[in-house]
Amino acid sequence: MKVLVDINVILDVILRREPYFSDSKRIVDCCISFVDGFIALHSFATIFYVLNEKEHKDTDFCRNTINNLLYVFDVAGLNKHQLISAINNGSFSDLEDSMQYGSAEACKVDYIITRDSEDFKDSSIPAITPTAFLALIHDCSV
């Protein structure tokens, strides 16, 4: 199973944001052990920015965090044609969400895991919360 993990889920883990931390951490654990996890290429710049500028983490912390993510997750990127498609995708009012969706399409993932699943309501790839994904894989393994 392949999933694209949205920035908000990754930041929940890094910043230990409650009440989301536990389920988001379990998503990362799934990607370590048995799910093929992807993070969109552009998300790494956003994560670095949020940690450095908004959370006031030093550059070494930010670099180490990104490097650690790359041990767990594969990178989902967009080529020029896919980026143009994301920019012009009328199903999304937010470019970042459209780029997440385009990245998910490019990697042919089964799910987009996000706390903002409503932002992906017109997505052909199911967008589900960490809690819903954990319930889904539990049901599949029983």
Protein backbone atom coordinates (compact mmCIF):
# COMPACT_ATOMS: atom_id res chain seq x y z
CA MET A 1 0.00 0.00 0.00
CA LYS A 2 1.24 3.47 -0.93
CA VAL A 3 0.27 6.71 0.81
CA LEU A 4 1.13 10.37 0.50
CA VAL A 5 1.39 12.01 3.91
CA ASP A 6 0.39 15.67 4.03
CA ILE A 7 2.50 18.34 5.72
CA ASN A 8 0.08 18.79 8.62
CA VAL A 9 0.50 15.15 9.69
CA ILE A 10 4.30 15.39 9.52
CA LEU A 11 4.34 18.63 11.52
CA ASP A 12 2.02 17.08 14.11
CA VAL A 13 4.75 14.54 14.80
CA ILE A 14 7.76 16.85 14.67
CA LEU A 15 6.10 19.48 16.88
CA ARG A 16 4.22 16.95 19.05
CA ARG A 17 0.97 18.83 18.41
CA GLU A 18 -1.92 17.62 20.51
CA PRO A 19 -4.44 16.15 20.17
CA TYR A 20 -3.05 14.91 16.84
CA PHE A 21 0.36 13.60 17.83
CA SER A 22 -0.50 10.01 18.71
CA ASP A 23 -2.32 9.04 15.50
CA SER A 24 0.10 11.00 13.33
CA LYS A 25 3.06 9.25 14.98
CA ARG A 26 1.39 5.91 14.28
CA ILE A 27 1.18 6.88 10.60
CA VAL A 28 4.93 7.50 10.54
CA ASP A 29 5.47 4.17 12.31
CA CYS A 30 3.38 2.44 9.61
CA CYS A 31 5.59 4.03 6.96
CA ILE A 32 8.66 2.74 8.76
CA SER A 33 7.39 -0.81 8.91
CA PHE A 34 4.91 -1.79 6.20
CA VAL A 35 3.39 1.09 4.22
CA ASP A 36 5.20 2.84 1.35
CA GLY A 37 5.06 6.46 2.48
CA PHE A 38 5.65 9.50 0.30
CA ILE A 39 6.03 13.19 1.06
CA ALA A 40 5.61 15.72 -1.76
CA LEU A 41 8.89 17.37 -2.75
CA HIS A 42 7.59 20.88 -2.13
CA SER A 43 6.58 19.87 1.41
CA PHE A 44 10.19 19.66 2.51
CA ALA A 45 10.73 23.37 1.86
CA THR A 46 7.54 24.19 3.74
CA ILE A 47 8.49 21.99 6.68
CA PHE A 48 11.93 23.61 6.84
CA TYR A 49 10.37 27.08 6.70
CA VAL A 50 7.81 26.37 9.41
CA LEU A 51 10.42 24.86 11.73
CA ASN A 52 13.00 27.57 11.14
CA GLU A 53 10.92 30.73 10.80
CA LYS A 54 7.75 30.00 12.75
CA GLU A 55 9.05 27.62 15.42
CA HIS A 56 12.50 29.22 15.69
CA LYS A 57 14.41 25.95 15.35
CA ASP A 58 18.03 26.33 14.30
CA THR A 59 19.19 25.37 10.82
CA ASP A 60 20.96 22.20 12.00
CA PHE A 61 17.75 20.96 13.64
CA CYS A 62 15.82 21.65 10.44
CA ARG A 63 18.36 19.87 8.24
CA ASN A 64 18.54 16.87 10.58
CA THR A 65 14.77 16.65 10.65
CA ILE A 66 14.55 16.66 6.84
CA ASN A 67 17.32 14.05 6.59
CA ASN A 68 15.51 11.83 9.10
CA LEU A 69 12.28 12.11 7.11
CA LEU A 70 14.16 10.97 4.02
CA TYR A 71 15.13 7.73 5.78
CA VAL A 72 11.44 6.91 6.19
CA PHE A 73 9.67 8.48 3.22
CA ASP A 74 10.12 8.47 -0.53
CA VAL A 75 9.79 11.76 -2.41
CA ALA A 76 6.83 12.51 -4.67
CA GLY A 77 7.62 15.22 -7.18
CA LEU A 78 5.99 16.98 -10.08
CA ASN A 79 7.45 17.59 -13.49
CA LYS A 80 6.67 20.78 -15.43
CA HIS A 81 3.58 19.31 -17.12
CA GLN A 82 2.21 18.01 -13.80
CA LEU A 83 2.88 21.37 -12.11
CA ILE A 84 1.00 23.21 -14.84
CA SER A 85 -1.86 20.77 -14.36
CA ALA A 86 -1.83 21.41 -10.59
CA ILE A 87 -1.80 25.17 -11.09
CA ASN A 88 -4.82 24.99 -13.40
CA ASN A 89 -6.80 22.32 -11.54
CA GLY A 90 -10.15 24.00 -10.90
CA SER A 91 -11.08 21.40 -8.26
CA PHE A 92 -8.67 23.07 -5.83
CA SER A 93 -8.72 26.66 -4.62
CA ASP A 94 -5.41 26.16 -2.78
CA LEU A 95 -2.28 25.60 -4.91
CA GLU A 96 -0.48 23.66 -2.17
CA ASP A 97 -3.36 21.18 -1.91
CA SER A 98 -3.44 20.84 -5.69
CA MET A 99 0.30 20.15 -5.70
CA GLN A 100 -0.17 17.53 -2.96
CA TYR A 101 -2.86 15.89 -5.09
CA GLY A 102 -0.71 16.04 -8.23
CA SER A 103 2.20 14.49 -6.34
CA ALA A 104 -0.09 11.72 -5.08
CA GLU A 105 -1.29 11.08 -8.63
CA ALA A 106 2.26 11.00 -9.97
CA CYS A 107 3.22 8.28 -7.48
CA LYS A 108 -0.04 6.38 -7.90
CA VAL A 109 -0.70 6.25 -4.17
CA ASP A 110 -3.72 4.55 -2.67
CA TYR A 111 -4.48 7.28 -0.10
CA ILE A 112 -3.65 10.83 0.85
CA ILE A 113 -3.35 11.03 4.63
CA THR A 114 -4.24 14.50 5.89
CA ARG A 115 -6.13 16.20 8.68
CA ASP A 116 -7.74 18.40 6.03
CA SER A 117 -9.51 15.70 4.01
CA GLU A 118 -12.29 18.16 3.11
CA ASP A 119 -9.72 20.08 1.01
CA PHE A 120 -9.51 16.98 -1.21
CA LYS A 121 -13.24 16.32 -1.60
CA ASP A 122 -13.00 16.24 -5.42
CA SER A 123 -9.89 14.06 -5.42
CA SER A 124 -9.96 10.74 -7.26
CA ILE A 125 -7.54 9.47 -4.61
CA PRO A 126 -9.23 8.98 -1.23
CA ALA A 127 -8.04 11.55 1.30
CA ILE A 128 -8.47 10.33 4.85
CA THR A 129 -7.45 11.37 8.32
CA PRO A 130 -4.74 9.53 10.23
CA THR A 131 -7.42 8.10 12.54
CA ALA A 132 -9.49 6.81 9.61
CA PHE A 133 -6.41 5.29 7.94
CA LEU A 134 -5.42 3.49 11.14
CA ALA A 135 -8.92 2.08 11.42
CA LEU A 136 -8.80 0.99 7.77
CA ILE A 137 -5.53 -0.90 8.08
CA HIS A 138 -6.68 -2.46 11.34
CA ASP A 139 -9.81 -3.75 9.60
CA CYS A 140 -7.67 -5.12 6.76
CA SER A 141 -5.35 -6.98 9.12
CA VAL A 142 -8.05 -8.63 11.21
